[in-house]
Amino acid sequence: RSLSRPVTHTHPTPNKTELRFRDQYLEPLKRSGQIRDYLEHESIRLRLATRTSIAFDFPVITLKDQLEFWECKGHWEEDARAKTKIAAARFPFTIRIFRWDRKARAFVEVETFTR
């Protein structure tokens, strides 16, 4: 297998933040026609190196039929940030990072990675 080829895997159960992101952010975008669709939680894993991979929360299909990876975070661990930067440099996908803003009571995009 090629080290840079995406592979599918069994996805873990989403946590409360990920469920909120899906229900309160992704679903309204899909219903209003702002995104085409999104795939199941962590349904695509990107292999970064031998025994090192990353699965972003939600693969999203844009209106231009492009695949993006969207991730919602409470806070970033350095390991996750480093893996995200490696994935962005290696793969031709946009990776968008969101967090829950307590004041705004909404998800906000805080960082975008592209190759």
N, C-alpha and C. Protein backbone atom coordinates (compact mmCIF):
# COMPACT_ATOMS: atom_id res chain seq x y z
N ARG A 1 0.82 -1.20 0.00
CA ARG A 1 0.00 0.00 0.00
C ARG A 1 0.85 1.25 0.00
N SER A 2 0.40 2.22 -0.73
CA SER A 2 1.10 3.50 -0.74
C SER A 2 0.92 4.20 0.61
N LEU A 3 1.98 4.84 1.09
CA LEU A 3 1.89 5.53 2.37
C LEU A 3 1.00 6.75 2.33
N SER A 4 0.77 7.30 1.15
CA SER A 4 0.00 8.54 1.08
C SER A 4 -1.44 8.31 0.61
N ARG A 5 -1.88 7.07 0.52
CA ARG A 5 -3.24 6.80 0.06
C ARG A 5 -4.21 6.78 1.25
N PRO A 6 -5.34 7.48 1.15
CA PRO A 6 -6.32 7.44 2.23
C PRO A 6 -6.88 6.02 2.39
N VAL A 7 -7.12 5.63 3.61
CA VAL A 7 -7.74 4.34 3.88
C VAL A 7 -8.94 4.55 4.78
N THR A 8 -9.96 3.72 4.61
CA THR A 8 -11.12 3.81 5.49
C THR A 8 -10.88 2.93 6.70
N HIS A 9 -11.58 3.21 7.77
CA HIS A 9 -11.45 2.41 8.98
C HIS A 9 -12.73 2.46 9.78
N THR A 10 -12.80 1.65 10.80
CA THR A 10 -13.94 1.69 11.71
C THR A 10 -13.84 2.96 12.54
N HIS A 11 -14.91 3.72 12.58
CA HIS A 11 -14.89 5.02 13.24
C HIS A 11 -15.34 4.89 14.70
N PRO A 12 -14.68 5.62 15.60
CA PRO A 12 -15.11 5.63 16.99
C PRO A 12 -16.38 6.47 17.17
N THR A 13 -16.98 6.33 18.30
CA THR A 13 -18.18 7.10 18.61
C THR A 13 -17.81 8.57 18.83
N PRO A 14 -18.56 9.49 18.21
CA PRO A 14 -18.26 10.92 18.41
C PRO A 14 -18.49 11.34 19.87
N ASN A 15 -17.69 12.30 20.35
CA ASN A 15 -17.92 12.83 21.69
C ASN A 15 -19.02 13.91 21.63
N LYS A 16 -19.33 14.52 22.77
CA LYS A 16 -20.42 15.50 22.81
C LYS A 16 -20.16 16.72 21.93
N THR A 17 -18.93 17.19 21.90
CA THR A 17 -18.60 18.35 21.05
C THR A 17 -18.77 18.00 19.58
N GLU A 18 -18.32 16.82 19.20
CA GLU A 18 -18.44 16.38 17.80
C GLU A 18 -19.90 16.18 17.40
N LEU A 19 -20.70 15.66 18.31
CA LEU A 19 -22.14 15.50 18.04
C LEU A 19 -22.80 16.87 17.88
N ARG A 20 -22.44 17.81 18.75
CA ARG A 20 -22.98 19.17 18.66
C ARG A 20 -22.56 19.81 17.34
N PHE A 21 -21.30 19.64 16.96
CA PHE A 21 -20.80 20.18 15.70
C PHE A 21 -21.59 19.62 14.52
N ARG A 22 -21.80 18.33 14.53
CA ARG A 22 -22.58 17.70 13.45
C ARG A 22 -24.00 18.24 13.41
N ASP A 23 -24.67 18.24 14.56
CA ASP A 23 -26.08 18.60 14.62
C ASP A 23 -26.35 20.09 14.49
N GLN A 24 -25.49 20.92 15.09
CA GLN A 24 -25.75 22.37 15.11
C GLN A 24 -24.97 23.16 14.05
N TYR A 25 -23.99 22.51 13.41
CA TYR A 25 -23.20 23.23 12.42
C TYR A 25 -23.29 22.59 11.04
N LEU A 26 -22.93 21.32 10.95
CA LEU A 26 -22.92 20.65 9.64
C LEU A 26 -24.32 20.45 9.07
N GLU A 27 -25.23 19.95 9.87
CA GLU A 27 -26.59 19.70 9.37
C GLU A 27 -27.26 20.95 8.82
N PRO A 28 -27.22 22.09 9.56
CA PRO A 28 -27.81 23.31 9.00
C PRO A 28 -27.13 23.75 7.69
N LEU A 29 -25.80 23.59 7.59
CA LEU A 29 -25.11 23.94 6.34
C LEU A 29 -25.58 23.05 5.20
N LYS A 30 -25.78 21.79 5.49
CA LYS A 30 -26.24 20.85 4.45
C LYS A 30 -27.68 21.18 4.03
N ARG A 31 -28.56 21.39 5.02
CA ARG A 31 -29.97 21.69 4.72
C ARG A 31 -30.12 22.99 3.94
N SER A 32 -29.26 23.97 4.22
CA SER A 32 -29.37 25.27 3.54
C SER A 32 -28.62 25.30 2.21
N GLY A 33 -27.97 24.19 1.86
CA GLY A 33 -27.28 24.12 0.58
C GLY A 33 -25.91 24.77 0.56
N GLN A 34 -25.31 25.00 1.73
CA GLN A 34 -23.98 25.63 1.77
C GLN A 34 -22.84 24.62 1.65
N ILE A 35 -23.13 23.35 1.93
CA ILE A 35 -22.22 22.24 1.63
C ILE A 35 -23.07 21.16 0.96
N ARG A 36 -22.43 20.32 0.17
CA ARG A 36 -23.18 19.25 -0.50
C ARG A 36 -23.53 18.14 0.49
N ASP A 37 -22.54 17.72 1.28
CA ASP A 37 -22.77 16.61 2.21
C ASP A 37 -21.57 16.49 3.14
N TYR A 38 -21.69 15.62 4.12
CA TYR A 38 -20.56 15.24 4.96
C TYR A 38 -20.65 13.75 5.19
N LEU A 39 -19.50 13.14 5.43
CA LEU A 39 -19.45 11.70 5.64
C LEU A 39 -19.46 11.39 7.13
N GLU A 40 -19.57 10.12 7.42
CA GLU A 40 -19.63 9.67 8.80
C GLU A 40 -18.37 10.09 9.58
N HIS A 41 -18.56 10.31 10.85
CA HIS A 41 -17.49 10.73 11.76
C HIS A 41 -16.26 9.84 11.61
N GLU A 42 -15.11 10.47 11.40
CA GLU A 42 -13.81 9.80 11.28
C GLU A 42 -13.83 8.60 10.33
N SER A 43 -14.53 8.75 9.21
CA SER A 43 -14.67 7.64 8.27
C SER A 43 -13.50 7.49 7.31
N ILE A 44 -12.60 8.46 7.28
CA ILE A 44 -11.41 8.37 6.43
C ILE A 44 -10.18 8.65 7.29
N ARG A 45 -9.23 7.76 7.19
CA ARG A 45 -7.96 7.92 7.91
C ARG A 45 -6.87 8.17 6.89
N LEU A 46 -6.06 9.20 7.13
CA LEU A 46 -4.93 9.51 6.25
C LEU A 46 -3.65 8.97 6.89
N ARG A 47 -2.91 8.19 6.13
CA ARG A 47 -1.66 7.64 6.62
C ARG A 47 -0.56 8.66 6.40
N LEU A 48 0.11 9.03 7.48
CA LEU A 48 1.17 10.04 7.42
C LEU A 48 2.55 9.41 7.32
N ALA A 49 2.72 8.25 7.94
CA ALA A 49 3.99 7.51 7.93
C ALA A 49 3.67 6.12 8.47
N THR A 50 4.67 5.28 8.51
CA THR A 50 4.46 3.94 9.06
C THR A 50 3.95 4.07 10.50
N ARG A 51 2.84 3.44 10.76
CA ARG A 51 2.18 3.44 12.09
C ARG A 51 1.83 4.84 12.60
N THR A 52 1.66 5.79 11.69
CA THR A 52 1.21 7.14 12.07
C THR A 52 0.13 7.58 11.09
N SER A 53 -1.04 7.91 11.63
CA SER A 53 -2.14 8.35 10.78
C SER A 53 -2.99 9.36 11.53
N ILE A 54 -3.93 9.93 10.79
CA ILE A 54 -4.85 10.90 11.40
C ILE A 54 -6.22 10.74 10.75
N ALA A 55 -7.25 10.84 11.56
CA ALA A 55 -8.63 10.82 11.07
C ALA A 55 -9.30 12.09 11.59
N PHE A 56 -9.68 12.96 10.68
CA PHE A 56 -10.36 14.19 11.08
C PHE A 56 -11.82 13.89 11.36
N ASP A 57 -12.46 14.75 12.14
CA ASP A 57 -13.83 14.48 12.60
C ASP A 57 -14.80 14.22 11.45
N PHE A 58 -14.86 15.13 10.48
CA PHE A 58 -15.85 14.98 9.42
C PHE A 58 -15.28 15.31 8.05
N PRO A 59 -15.26 14.32 7.15
CA PRO A 59 -14.98 14.62 5.75
C PRO A 59 -16.20 15.34 5.17
N VAL A 60 -15.97 16.48 4.52
CA VAL A 60 -17.06 17.31 4.01
C VAL A 60 -16.92 17.44 2.49
N ILE A 61 -18.04 17.31 1.79
CA ILE A 61 -18.08 17.50 0.34
C ILE A 61 -18.61 18.91 0.10
N THR A 62 -17.78 19.75 -0.54
CA THR A 62 -18.17 21.13 -0.79
C THR A 62 -19.11 21.22 -2.00
N LEU A 63 -19.63 22.40 -2.24
CA LEU A 63 -20.50 22.61 -3.40
C LEU A 63 -19.75 22.42 -4.72
N LYS A 64 -18.43 22.52 -4.68
CA LYS A 64 -17.61 22.30 -5.88
C LYS A 64 -17.17 20.83 -5.97
N ASP A 65 -17.82 19.96 -5.17
CA ASP A 65 -17.50 18.53 -5.11
C ASP A 65 -16.05 18.26 -4.73
N GLN A 66 -15.51 19.09 -3.86
CA GLN A 66 -14.17 18.87 -3.34
C GLN A 66 -14.28 18.30 -1.93
N LEU A 67 -13.35 17.42 -1.60
CA LEU A 67 -13.31 16.83 -0.27
C LEU A 67 -12.46 17.70 0.64
N GLU A 68 -13.02 18.08 1.78
CA GLU A 68 -12.30 18.80 2.82
C GLU A 68 -12.44 18.01 4.10
N PHE A 69 -11.55 18.25 5.04
CA PHE A 69 -11.64 17.62 6.36
C PHE A 69 -11.89 18.71 7.39
N TRP A 70 -12.95 18.54 8.18
CA TRP A 70 -13.31 19.52 9.19
C TRP A 70 -13.17 18.88 10.57
N GLU A 71 -12.54 19.61 11.47
CA GLU A 71 -12.23 19.11 12.80
C GLU A 71 -12.72 20.13 13.82
N CYS A 72 -13.39 19.67 14.86
CA CYS A 72 -13.79 20.57 15.94
C CYS A 72 -12.96 20.24 17.18
N LYS A 73 -12.45 21.26 17.82
CA LYS A 73 -11.53 21.09 18.94
C LYS A 73 -11.99 21.88 20.15
N GLY A 74 -11.78 21.29 21.33
CA GLY A 74 -11.91 22.02 22.57
C GLY A 74 -10.61 22.79 22.79
N HIS A 75 -9.50 22.08 22.62
CA HIS A 75 -8.17 22.69 22.62
C HIS A 75 -7.25 21.77 21.82
N TRP A 76 -6.16 22.32 21.36
CA TRP A 76 -5.22 21.57 20.52
C TRP A 76 -4.09 20.99 21.36
N GLU A 77 -3.82 19.72 21.18
CA GLU A 77 -2.61 19.11 21.70
C GLU A 77 -1.54 19.33 20.63
N GLU A 78 -0.30 19.46 21.01
CA GLU A 78 0.78 19.69 20.03
C GLU A 78 0.89 18.55 19.03
N ASP A 79 0.66 17.32 19.48
CA ASP A 79 0.72 16.16 18.58
C ASP A 79 -0.32 16.29 17.47
N ALA A 80 -1.53 16.68 17.82
CA ALA A 80 -2.60 16.82 16.82
C ALA A 80 -2.30 17.96 15.86
N ARG A 81 -1.77 19.05 16.35
CA ARG A 81 -1.41 20.18 15.50
C ARG A 81 -0.30 19.79 14.52
N ALA A 82 0.70 19.07 15.01
CA ALA A 82 1.80 18.63 14.15
C ALA A 82 1.29 17.68 13.07
N LYS A 83 0.45 16.73 13.44
CA LYS A 83 -0.11 15.79 12.46
C LYS A 83 -0.96 16.51 11.42
N THR A 84 -1.69 17.51 11.85
CA THR A 84 -2.53 18.29 10.93
C THR A 84 -1.65 19.02 9.91
N LYS A 85 -0.56 19.61 10.37
CA LYS A 85 0.35 20.31 9.46
C LYS A 85 0.99 19.34 8.47
N ILE A 86 1.35 18.16 8.92
CA ILE A 86 1.93 17.15 8.03
C ILE A 86 0.90 16.72 6.99
N ALA A 87 -0.33 16.46 7.44
CA ALA A 87 -1.39 16.06 6.50
C ALA A 87 -1.65 17.15 5.48
N ALA A 88 -1.67 18.40 5.91
CA ALA A 88 -1.93 19.51 4.99
C ALA A 88 -0.81 19.65 3.96
N ALA A 89 0.41 19.37 4.35
CA ALA A 89 1.54 19.46 3.42
C ALA A 89 1.56 18.28 2.45
N ARG A 90 1.10 17.14 2.89
CA ARG A 90 1.20 15.93 2.07
C ARG A 90 0.01 15.71 1.14
N PHE A 91 -1.19 16.07 1.57
CA PHE A 91 -2.40 15.76 0.81
C PHE A 91 -3.04 17.01 0.22
N PRO A 92 -3.72 16.88 -0.92
CA PRO A 92 -4.32 18.04 -1.59
C PRO A 92 -5.72 18.37 -1.08
N PHE A 93 -5.88 18.39 0.24
CA PHE A 93 -7.18 18.67 0.84
C PHE A 93 -7.08 19.92 1.71
N THR A 94 -8.17 20.65 1.79
CA THR A 94 -8.25 21.73 2.76
C THR A 94 -8.69 21.12 4.09
N ILE A 95 -8.06 21.56 5.17
CA ILE A 95 -8.39 21.10 6.51
C ILE A 95 -8.81 22.32 7.30
N ARG A 96 -10.03 22.29 7.82
CA ARG A 96 -10.57 23.42 8.58
C ARG A 96 -10.75 23.02 10.04
N ILE A 97 -10.30 23.89 10.94
CA ILE A 97 -10.39 23.62 12.37
C ILE A 97 -11.38 24.60 12.98
N PHE A 98 -12.30 24.07 13.76
CA PHE A 98 -13.35 24.86 14.41
C PHE A 98 -13.28 24.66 15.92
N ARG A 99 -13.78 25.62 16.65
CA ARG A 99 -13.93 25.47 18.10
C ARG A 99 -15.25 26.09 18.52
N TRP A 100 -15.74 25.65 19.65
CA TRP A 100 -16.97 26.20 20.21
C TRP A 100 -16.63 27.49 20.93
N ASP A 101 -17.26 28.58 20.52
CA ASP A 101 -17.07 29.88 21.15
C ASP A 101 -18.20 30.07 22.15
N ARG A 102 -17.85 30.05 23.42
CA ARG A 102 -18.88 30.14 24.48
C ARG A 102 -19.64 31.45 24.45
N LYS A 103 -18.92 32.56 24.20
CA LYS A 103 -19.59 33.87 24.15
C LYS A 103 -20.58 33.93 23.00
N ALA A 104 -20.15 33.51 21.83
CA ALA A 104 -21.01 33.56 20.65
C ALA A 104 -22.02 32.42 20.63
N ARG A 105 -21.78 31.41 21.46
CA ARG A 105 -22.62 30.20 21.50
C ARG A 105 -22.76 29.60 20.10
N ALA A 106 -21.58 29.49 19.44
CA ALA A 106 -21.55 28.96 18.08
C ALA A 106 -20.15 28.42 17.78
N PHE A 107 -20.07 27.58 16.77
CA PHE A 107 -18.77 27.12 16.30
C PHE A 107 -18.17 28.19 15.40
N VAL A 108 -16.88 28.43 15.57
CA VAL A 108 -16.16 29.38 14.73
C VAL A 108 -14.95 28.70 14.13
N GLU A 109 -14.63 29.06 12.89
CA GLU A 109 -13.44 28.52 12.26
C GLU A 109 -12.24 29.28 12.79
N VAL A 110 -11.25 28.55 13.29
CA VAL A 110 -10.09 29.20 13.91
C VAL A 110 -8.82 29.03 13.09
N GLU A 111 -8.79 28.04 12.19
CA GLU A 111 -7.57 27.83 11.41
C GLU A 111 -7.92 27.03 10.16
N THR A 112 -7.22 27.31 9.07
CA THR A 112 -7.39 26.59 7.82
C THR A 112 -6.03 26.22 7.29
N PHE A 113 -5.89 24.96 6.88
CA PHE A 113 -4.63 24.46 6.34
C PHE A 113 -4.87 24.01 4.90
N THR A 114 -3.98 24.41 4.00
CA THR A 114 -4.04 23.94 2.61
C THR A 114 -2.61 23.68 2.15
N ARG A 115 -2.52 22.87 1.12
CA ARG A 115 -1.20 22.58 0.55
C ARG A 115 -0.83 23.64 -0.45
